[in-house]
């Protein structure tokens, strides 16, 4: 299964960026988004940056992923007190 996850662009060399997925650094192709700059957030899917996000939206998505991982690791739905 492939997931599309936000990442922060740390470095750009031609059409390849080094991106940060919460401390994990990977390469992402920029062929589909030529206007990306260092510091931008992008959605990466199968090794390609496919969408540029503002920082607020990227953080919202990352918080949602954190919640998914918390729920799946804890087993069950979150409590609604």
PDB file of N, CA and C in Angstrom:
ATOM      1  N   UNK A   1       0.840  -1.163   0.000  1.00  0.00           N
ATOM      2  CA  UNK A   1       0.000   0.000   0.000  1.00  0.00           C
ATOM      3  C   UNK A   1       0.890   1.232   0.000  1.00  0.00           C
ATOM      4  N   UNK A   2       0.528   2.220  -0.788  1.00  0.00           N
ATOM      5  CA  UNK A   2       1.253   3.493  -0.844  1.00  0.00           C
ATOM      6  C   UNK A   2       0.391   4.577  -0.229  1.00  0.00           C
ATOM      7  N   UNK A   3       1.008   5.415   0.560  1.00  0.00           N
ATOM      8  CA  UNK A   3       0.306   6.513   1.202  1.00  0.00           C
ATOM      9  C   UNK A   3       0.828   7.837   0.678  1.00  0.00           C
ATOM     10  N   UNK A   4      -0.056   8.799   0.522  1.00  0.00           N
ATOM     11  CA  UNK A   4       0.346  10.153   0.148  1.00  0.00           C
ATOM     12  C   UNK A   4       0.470  10.956   1.439  1.00  0.00           C
ATOM     13  N   UNK A   5       1.680  11.389   1.749  1.00  0.00           N
ATOM     14  CA  UNK A   5       1.970  12.003   3.044  1.00  0.00           C
ATOM     15  C   UNK A   5       2.675  13.337   2.839  1.00  0.00           C
ATOM     16  N   UNK A   6       2.344  14.353   3.651  1.00  0.00           N
ATOM     17  CA  UNK A   6       3.055  15.627   3.558  1.00  0.00           C
ATOM     18  C   UNK A   6       4.499  15.503   4.027  1.00  0.00           C
ATOM     19  N   UNK A   7       5.361  16.255   3.381  1.00  0.00           N
ATOM     20  CA  UNK A   7       6.775  16.300   3.764  1.00  0.00           C
ATOM     21  C   UNK A   7       7.287  17.718   3.541  1.00  0.00           C
ATOM     22  N   UNK A   8       8.280  18.097   4.325  1.00  0.00           N
ATOM     23  CA  UNK A   8       8.892  19.415   4.181  1.00  0.00           C
ATOM     24  C   UNK A   8      10.122  19.298   3.294  1.00  0.00           C
ATOM     25  N   UNK A   9      10.245  20.198   2.331  1.00  0.00           N
ATOM     26  CA  UNK A   9      11.380  20.194   1.410  1.00  0.00           C
ATOM     27  C   UNK A   9      12.594  20.804   2.116  1.00  0.00           C
ATOM     28  N   UNK A  10      13.664  20.018   2.208  1.00  0.00           N
ATOM     29  CA  UNK A  10      14.886  20.462   2.878  1.00  0.00           C
ATOM     30  C   UNK A  10      15.949  20.943   1.907  1.00  0.00           C
ATOM     31  N   UNK A  11      15.966  20.339   0.730  1.00  0.00           N
ATOM     32  CA  UNK A  11      17.046  20.588  -0.234  1.00  0.00           C
ATOM     33  C   UNK A  11      16.532  20.247  -1.626  1.00  0.00           C
ATOM     34  N   UNK A  12      16.997  20.984  -2.627  1.00  0.00           N
ATOM     35  CA  UNK A  12      16.606  20.708  -4.013  1.00  0.00           C
ATOM     36  C   UNK A  12      17.853  20.646  -4.876  1.00  0.00           C
ATOM     37  N   UNK A  13      17.935  19.594  -5.688  1.00  0.00           N
ATOM     38  CA  UNK A  13      19.021  19.434  -6.647  1.00  0.00           C
ATOM     39  C   UNK A  13      18.397  19.024  -7.976  1.00  0.00           C
ATOM     40  N   UNK A  14      18.204  19.996  -8.858  1.00  0.00           N
ATOM     41  CA  UNK A  14      17.539  19.707 -10.128  1.00  0.00           C
ATOM     42  C   UNK A  14      16.081  19.373  -9.896  1.00  0.00           C
ATOM     43  N   UNK A  15      15.650  18.205 -10.360  1.00  0.00           N
ATOM     44  CA  UNK A  15      14.268  17.756 -10.184  1.00  0.00           C
ATOM     45  C   UNK A  15      14.096  16.804  -9.008  1.00  0.00           C
ATOM     46  N   UNK A  16      15.085  16.752  -8.131  1.00  0.00           N
ATOM     47  CA  UNK A  16      15.012  15.864  -6.973  1.00  0.00           C
ATOM     48  C   UNK A  16      15.150  16.688  -5.703  1.00  0.00           C
ATOM     49  N   UNK A  17      14.270  16.420  -4.752  1.00  0.00           N
ATOM     50  CA  UNK A  17      14.327  17.101  -3.460  1.00  0.00           C
ATOM     51  C   UNK A  17      14.613  16.087  -2.363  1.00  0.00           C
ATOM     52  N   UNK A  18      15.263  16.559  -1.328  1.00  0.00           N
ATOM     53  CA  UNK A  18      15.342  15.797  -0.080  1.00  0.00           C
ATOM     54  C   UNK A  18      14.214  16.347   0.784  1.00  0.00           C
ATOM     55  N   UNK A  19      13.325  15.456   1.212  1.00  0.00           N
ATOM     56  CA  UNK A  19      12.172  15.862   2.005  1.00  0.00           C
ATOM     57  C   UNK A  19      12.197  15.163   3.354  1.00  0.00           C
ATOM     58  N   UNK A  20      11.539  15.778   4.315  1.00  0.00           N
ATOM     59  CA  UNK A  20      11.512  15.274   5.687  1.00  0.00           C
ATOM     60  C   UNK A  20      10.097  14.842   6.045  1.00  0.00           C
ATOM     61  N   UNK A  21       9.954  13.554   6.337  1.00  0.00           N
ATOM     62  CA  UNK A  21       8.698  12.984   6.824  1.00  0.00           C
ATOM     63  C   UNK A  21       8.826  12.802   8.332  1.00  0.00           C
ATOM     64  N   UNK A  22       8.731  13.858   9.096  1.00  0.00           N
ATOM     65  CA  UNK A  22       8.800  13.737  10.554  1.00  0.00           C
ATOM     66  C   UNK A  22      10.094  13.142  11.050  1.00  0.00           C
ATOM     67  N   UNK A  23      11.204  13.544  10.481  1.00  0.00           N
ATOM     68  CA  UNK A  23      12.508  13.045  10.904  1.00  0.00           C
ATOM     69  C   UNK A  23      13.108  12.004   9.980  1.00  0.00           C
ATOM     70  N   UNK A  24      12.311  11.460   9.082  1.00  0.00           N
ATOM     71  CA  UNK A  24      12.799  10.490   8.106  1.00  0.00           C
ATOM     72  C   UNK A  24      13.016  11.233   6.789  1.00  0.00           C
ATOM     73  N   UNK A  25      14.242  11.219   6.305  1.00  0.00           N
ATOM     74  CA  UNK A  25      14.574  11.940   5.076  1.00  0.00           C
ATOM     75  C   UNK A  25      14.579  10.978   3.886  1.00  0.00           C
ATOM     76  N   UNK A  26      13.947  11.432   2.804  1.00  0.00           N
ATOM     77  CA  UNK A  26      13.857  10.638   1.578  1.00  0.00           C
ATOM     78  C   UNK A  26      13.975  11.569   0.375  1.00  0.00           C
ATOM     79  N   UNK A  27      14.225  10.969  -0.782  1.00  0.00           N
ATOM     80  CA  UNK A  27      14.202  11.723  -2.032  1.00  0.00           C
ATOM     81  C   UNK A  27      12.781  11.736  -2.583  1.00  0.00           C
ATOM     82  N   UNK A  28      12.429  12.852  -3.229  1.00  0.00           N
ATOM     83  CA  UNK A  28      11.145  12.961  -3.923  1.00  0.00           C
ATOM     84  C   UNK A  28      11.377  13.680  -5.241  1.00  0.00           C
ATOM     85  N   UNK A  29      10.794  13.173  -6.295  1.00  0.00           N
ATOM     86  CA  UNK A  29      10.905  13.799  -7.617  1.00  0.00           C
ATOM     87  C   UNK A  29       9.999  15.027  -7.671  1.00  0.00           C
ATOM     88  N   UNK A  30      10.484  16.079  -8.333  1.00  0.00           N
ATOM     89  CA  UNK A  30       9.736  17.328  -8.457  1.00  0.00           C
ATOM     90  C   UNK A  30       9.246  17.586  -9.877  1.00  0.00           C
ATOM     91  N   UNK A  31       9.281  16.579 -10.723  1.00  0.00           N
ATOM     92  CA  UNK A  31       8.905  16.746 -12.131  1.00  0.00           C
ATOM     93  C   UNK A  31       7.504  17.328 -12.312  1.00  0.00           C
ATOM     94  N   UNK A  32       6.594  17.031 -11.398  1.00  0.00           N
ATOM     95  CA  UNK A  32       5.206  17.474 -11.530  1.00  0.00           C
ATOM     96  C   UNK A  32       4.951  18.833 -10.889  1.00  0.00           C
ATOM     97  N   UNK A  33       5.911  19.328 -10.102  1.00  0.00           N
ATOM     98  CA  UNK A  33       5.756  20.607  -9.393  1.00  0.00           C
ATOM     99  C   UNK A  33       7.023  21.444  -9.549  1.00  0.00           C
ATOM    100  N   UNK A  34       7.185  22.117 -10.662  1.00  0.00           N
ATOM    101  CA  UNK A  34       8.433  22.845 -10.904  1.00  0.00           C
ATOM    102  C   UNK A  34       8.640  24.081 -10.033  1.00  0.00           C
ATOM    103  N   UNK A  35       7.595  24.581  -9.348  1.00  0.00           N
ATOM    104  CA  UNK A  35       7.725  25.816  -8.575  1.00  0.00           C
ATOM    105  C   UNK A  35       7.980  25.597  -7.082  1.00  0.00           C
ATOM    106  N   UNK A  36       8.402  24.418  -6.694  1.00  0.00           N
ATOM    107  CA  UNK A  36       8.666  24.105  -5.289  1.00  0.00           C
ATOM    108  C   UNK A  36       9.989  24.717  -4.849  1.00  0.00           C
ATOM    109  N   UNK A  37      10.000  25.233  -3.614  1.00  0.00           N
ATOM    110  CA  UNK A  37      11.207  25.822  -3.040  1.00  0.00           C
ATOM    111  C   UNK A  37      11.520  25.172  -1.703  1.00  0.00           C
ATOM    112  N   UNK A  38      12.757  25.301  -1.264  1.00  0.00           N
ATOM    113  CA  UNK A  38      13.153  24.806   0.057  1.00  0.00           C
ATOM    114  C   UNK A  38      12.251  25.461   1.099  1.00  0.00           C
ATOM    115  N   UNK A  39      11.756  24.644   2.028  1.00  0.00           N
ATOM    116  CA  UNK A  39      10.859  25.128   3.072  1.00  0.00           C
ATOM    117  C   UNK A  39       9.396  24.876   2.780  1.00  0.00           C
ATOM    118  N   UNK A  40       9.062  24.586   1.514  1.00  0.00           N
ATOM    119  CA  UNK A  40       7.680  24.273   1.153  1.00  0.00           C
ATOM    120  C   UNK A  40       7.291  22.902   1.689  1.00  0.00           C
ATOM    121  N   UNK A  41       5.993  22.695   1.823  1.00  0.00           N
ATOM    122  CA  UNK A  41       5.451  21.380   2.139  1.00  0.00           C
ATOM    123  C   UNK A  41       4.810  20.824   0.883  1.00  0.00           C
ATOM    124  N   UNK A  42       5.020  19.540   0.650  1.00  0.00           N
ATOM    125  CA  UNK A  42       4.451  18.871  -0.512  1.00  0.00           C
ATOM    126  C   UNK A  42       3.841  17.542  -0.088  1.00  0.00           C
ATOM    127  N   UNK A  43       2.861  17.097  -0.856  1.00  0.00           N
ATOM    128  CA  UNK A  43       2.336  15.743  -0.696  1.00  0.00           C
ATOM    129  C   UNK A  43       3.180  14.855  -1.592  1.00  0.00           C
ATOM    130  N   UNK A  44       3.714  13.785  -1.027  1.00  0.00           N
ATOM    131  CA  UNK A  44       4.546  12.849  -1.787  1.00  0.00           C
ATOM    132  C   UNK A  44       3.800  11.527  -1.911  1.00  0.00           C
ATOM    133  N   UNK A  45       3.736  11.033  -3.135  1.00  0.00           N
ATOM    134  CA  UNK A  45       3.091   9.746  -3.411  1.00  0.00           C
ATOM    135  C   UNK A  45       3.963   8.978  -4.387  1.00  0.00           C
ATOM    136  N   UNK A  46       4.323   7.785  -4.018  1.00  0.00           N
ATOM    137  CA  UNK A  46       5.185   6.900  -4.819  1.00  0.00           C
ATOM    138  C   UNK A  46       6.454   7.597  -5.292  1.00  0.00           C
ATOM    139  N   UNK A  47       7.012   8.434  -4.422  1.00  0.00           N
ATOM    140  CA  UNK A  47       8.285   9.074  -4.728  1.00  0.00           C
ATOM    141  C   UNK A  47       8.197  10.373  -5.501  1.00  0.00           C
ATOM    142  N   UNK A  48       6.981  10.822  -5.822  1.00  0.00           N
ATOM    143  CA  UNK A  48       6.789  12.073  -6.557  1.00  0.00           C
ATOM    144  C   UNK A  48       6.038  13.082  -5.698  1.00  0.00           C
ATOM    145  N   UNK A  49       6.513  14.322  -5.695  1.00  0.00           N
ATOM    146  CA  UNK A  49       5.751  15.411  -5.089  1.00  0.00           C
ATOM    147  C   UNK A  49       4.595  15.705  -6.035  1.00  0.00           C
ATOM    148  N   UNK A  50       3.364  15.571  -5.533  1.00  0.00           N
ATOM    149  CA  UNK A  50       2.199  15.714  -6.412  1.00  0.00           C
ATOM    150  C   UNK A  50       1.349  16.939  -6.090  1.00  0.00           C
ATOM    151  N   UNK A  51       1.596  17.562  -4.945  1.00  0.00           N
ATOM    152  CA  UNK A  51       0.811  18.739  -4.572  1.00  0.00           C
ATOM    153  C   UNK A  51       1.595  19.579  -3.582  1.00  0.00           C
ATOM    154  N   UNK A  52       1.519  20.880  -3.745  1.00  0.00           N
ATOM    155  CA  UNK A  52       2.155  21.811  -2.821  1.00  0.00           C
ATOM    156  C   UNK A  52       1.109  22.266  -1.801  1.00  0.00           C
ATOM    157  N   UNK A  53       1.504  22.314  -0.520  1.00  0.00           N
ATOM    158  CA  UNK A  53       0.594  22.700   0.555  1.00  0.00           C
ATOM    159  C   UNK A  53       1.155  23.887   1.315  1.00  0.00           C
ATOM    160  N   UNK A  54       0.249  24.671   1.923  1.00  0.00           N
ATOM    161  CA  UNK A  54       0.767  25.660   2.855  1.00  0.00           C
ATOM    162  C   UNK A  54       1.040  24.947   4.185  1.00  0.00           C
ATOM    163  N   UNK A  55       1.818  25.575   5.038  1.00  0.00           N
ATOM    164  CA  UNK A  55       2.259  24.929   6.274  1.00  0.00           C
ATOM    165  C   UNK A  55       1.079  24.534   7.161  1.00  0.00           C
ATOM    166  N   UNK A  56       0.061  25.382   7.236  1.00  0.00           N
ATOM    167  CA  UNK A  56      -1.096  25.084   8.084  1.00  0.00           C
ATOM    168  C   UNK A  56      -1.804  23.808   7.631  1.00  0.00           C
ATOM    169  N   UNK A  57      -2.040  23.679   6.337  1.00  0.00           N
ATOM    170  CA  UNK A  57      -2.716  22.483   5.814  1.00  0.00           C
ATOM    171  C   UNK A  57      -1.859  21.238   6.011  1.00  0.00           C
ATOM    172  N   UNK A  58      -0.557  21.362   5.796  1.00  0.00           N
ATOM    173  CA  UNK A  58       0.344  20.220   6.005  1.00  0.00           C
ATOM    174  C   UNK A  58       0.269  19.744   7.450  1.00  0.00           C
ATOM    175  N   UNK A  59       0.263  20.678   8.390  1.00  0.00           N
ATOM    176  CA  UNK A  59       0.207  20.299   9.809  1.00  0.00           C
ATOM    177  C   UNK A  59      -1.130  19.660  10.165  1.00  0.00           C
ATOM    178  N   UNK A  60      -2.227  20.135   9.567  1.00  0.00           N
ATOM    179  CA  UNK A  60      -3.532  19.506   9.795  1.00  0.00           C
ATOM    180  C   UNK A  60      -3.515  18.048   9.346  1.00  0.00           C
ATOM    181  N   UNK A  61      -2.968  17.802   8.173  1.00  0.00           N
ATOM    182  CA  UNK A  61      -2.908  16.435   7.644  1.00  0.00           C
ATOM    183  C   UNK A  61      -2.008  15.566   8.519  1.00  0.00           C
ATOM    184  N   UNK A  62      -0.863  16.098   8.931  1.00  0.00           N
ATOM    185  CA  UNK A  62       0.046  15.328   9.783  1.00  0.00           C
ATOM    186  C   UNK A  62      -0.595  15.007  11.130  1.00  0.00           C
ATOM    187  N   UNK A  63      -1.361  15.938  11.684  1.00  0.00           N
ATOM    188  CA  UNK A  63      -2.072  15.667  12.935  1.00  0.00           C
ATOM    189  C   UNK A  63      -3.102  14.559  12.743  1.00  0.00           C
ATOM    190  N   UNK A  64      -3.777  14.546  11.605  1.00  0.00           N
ATOM    191  CA  UNK A  64      -4.738  13.479  11.319  1.00  0.00           C
ATOM    192  C   UNK A  64      -4.035  12.128  11.234  1.00  0.00           C
ATOM    193  N   UNK A  65      -2.864  12.087  10.580  1.00  0.00           N
ATOM    194  CA  UNK A  65      -2.095  10.836  10.511  1.00  0.00           C
ATOM    195  C   UNK A  65      -1.655  10.398  11.907  1.00  0.00           C
ATOM    196  N   UNK A  66      -1.237  11.354  12.735  1.00  0.00           N
ATOM    197  CA  UNK A  66      -0.860  11.014  14.112  1.00  0.00           C
ATOM    198  C   UNK A  66      -2.023  10.353  14.840  1.00  0.00           C
ATOM    199  N   UNK A  67      -3.223  10.881  14.644  1.00  0.00           N
ATOM    200  CA  UNK A  67      -4.408  10.313  15.277  1.00  0.00           C
ATOM    201  C   UNK A  67      -4.677   8.896  14.763  1.00  0.00           C
ATOM    202  N   UNK A  68      -4.550   8.686  13.465  1.00  0.00           N
ATOM    203  CA  UNK A  68      -4.739   7.341  12.899  1.00  0.00           C
ATOM    204  C   UNK A  68      -3.754   6.361  13.525  1.00  0.00           C
ATOM    205  N   UNK A  69      -2.486   6.749  13.597  1.00  0.00           N
ATOM    206  CA  UNK A  69      -1.480   5.857  14.167  1.00  0.00           C
ATOM    207  C   UNK A  69      -1.729   5.609  15.652  1.00  0.00           C
ATOM    208  N   UNK A  70      -2.166   6.637  16.368  1.00  0.00           N
ATOM    209  CA  UNK A  70      -2.455   6.467  17.789  1.00  0.00           C
ATOM    210  C   UNK A  70      -3.595   5.470  17.980  1.00  0.00           C
ATOM    211  N   UNK A  71      -4.636   5.604  17.173  1.00  0.00           N
ATOM    212  CA  UNK A  71      -5.785   4.706  17.283  1.00  0.00           C
ATOM    213  C   UNK A  71      -5.391   3.281  16.928  1.00  0.00           C
ATOM    214  N   UNK A  72      -4.667   3.096  15.830  1.00  0.00           N
ATOM    215  CA  UNK A  72      -4.333   1.737  15.396  1.00  0.00           C
ATOM    216  C   UNK A  72      -3.339   1.072  16.333  1.00  0.00           C
ATOM    217  N   UNK A  73      -2.450   1.825  16.914  1.00  0.00           N
ATOM    218  CA  UNK A  73      -1.510   1.237  17.881  1.00  0.00           C
ATOM    219  C   UNK A  73      -2.206   0.895  19.184  1.00  0.00           C
ATOM    220  N   UNK A  74      -3.206   1.712  19.563  1.00  0.00           N
ATOM    221  CA  UNK A  74      -3.904   1.495  20.822  1.00  0.00           C
ATOM    222  C   UNK A  74      -5.044   0.508  20.698  1.00  0.00           C
ATOM    223  N   UNK A  75      -5.470   0.242  19.476  1.00  0.00           N
ATOM    224  CA  UNK A  75      -6.568  -0.692  19.262  1.00  0.00           C
ATOM    225  C   UNK A  75      -7.902  -0.103  19.684  1.00  0.00           C
ATOM    226  N   UNK A  76      -8.704   0.281  18.759  1.00  0.00           N
ATOM    227  CA  UNK A  76     -10.021   0.813  19.067  1.00  0.00           C
ATOM    228  C   UNK A  76     -10.135   2.285  18.765  1.00  0.00           C
ATOM    229  N   UNK A  77     -11.330   2.786  18.973  1.00  0.00           N
ATOM    230  CA  UNK A  77     -11.610   4.185  18.694  1.00  0.00           C
ATOM    231  C   UNK A  77     -11.210   5.056  19.876  1.00  0.00           C
ATOM    232  N   UNK A  78     -10.917   6.333  19.607  1.00  0.00           N
ATOM    233  CA  UNK A  78     -10.573   7.224  20.718  1.00  0.00           C
ATOM    234  C   UNK A  78     -11.790   7.466  21.600  1.00  0.00           C
ATOM    235  N   UNK A  79     -11.554   7.710  22.859  1.00  0.00           N
ATOM    236  CA  UNK A  79     -12.637   7.995  23.799  1.00  0.00           C
ATOM    237  C   UNK A  79     -13.165   9.392  23.550  1.00  0.00           C
ATOM    238  N   UNK A  80     -14.462   9.549  23.666  1.00  0.00           N
ATOM    239  CA  UNK A  80     -15.115  10.855  23.492  1.00  0.00           C
ATOM    240  C   UNK A  80     -15.708  11.280  24.834  1.00  0.00           C
ATOM    241  N   UNK A  81     -14.895  11.797  25.722  1.00  0.00           N
ATOM    242  CA  UNK A  81     -15.375  12.215  27.057  1.00  0.00           C
ATOM    243  C   UNK A  81     -15.921  13.613  27.037  1.00  0.00           C
TER     244      UNK A  81
END
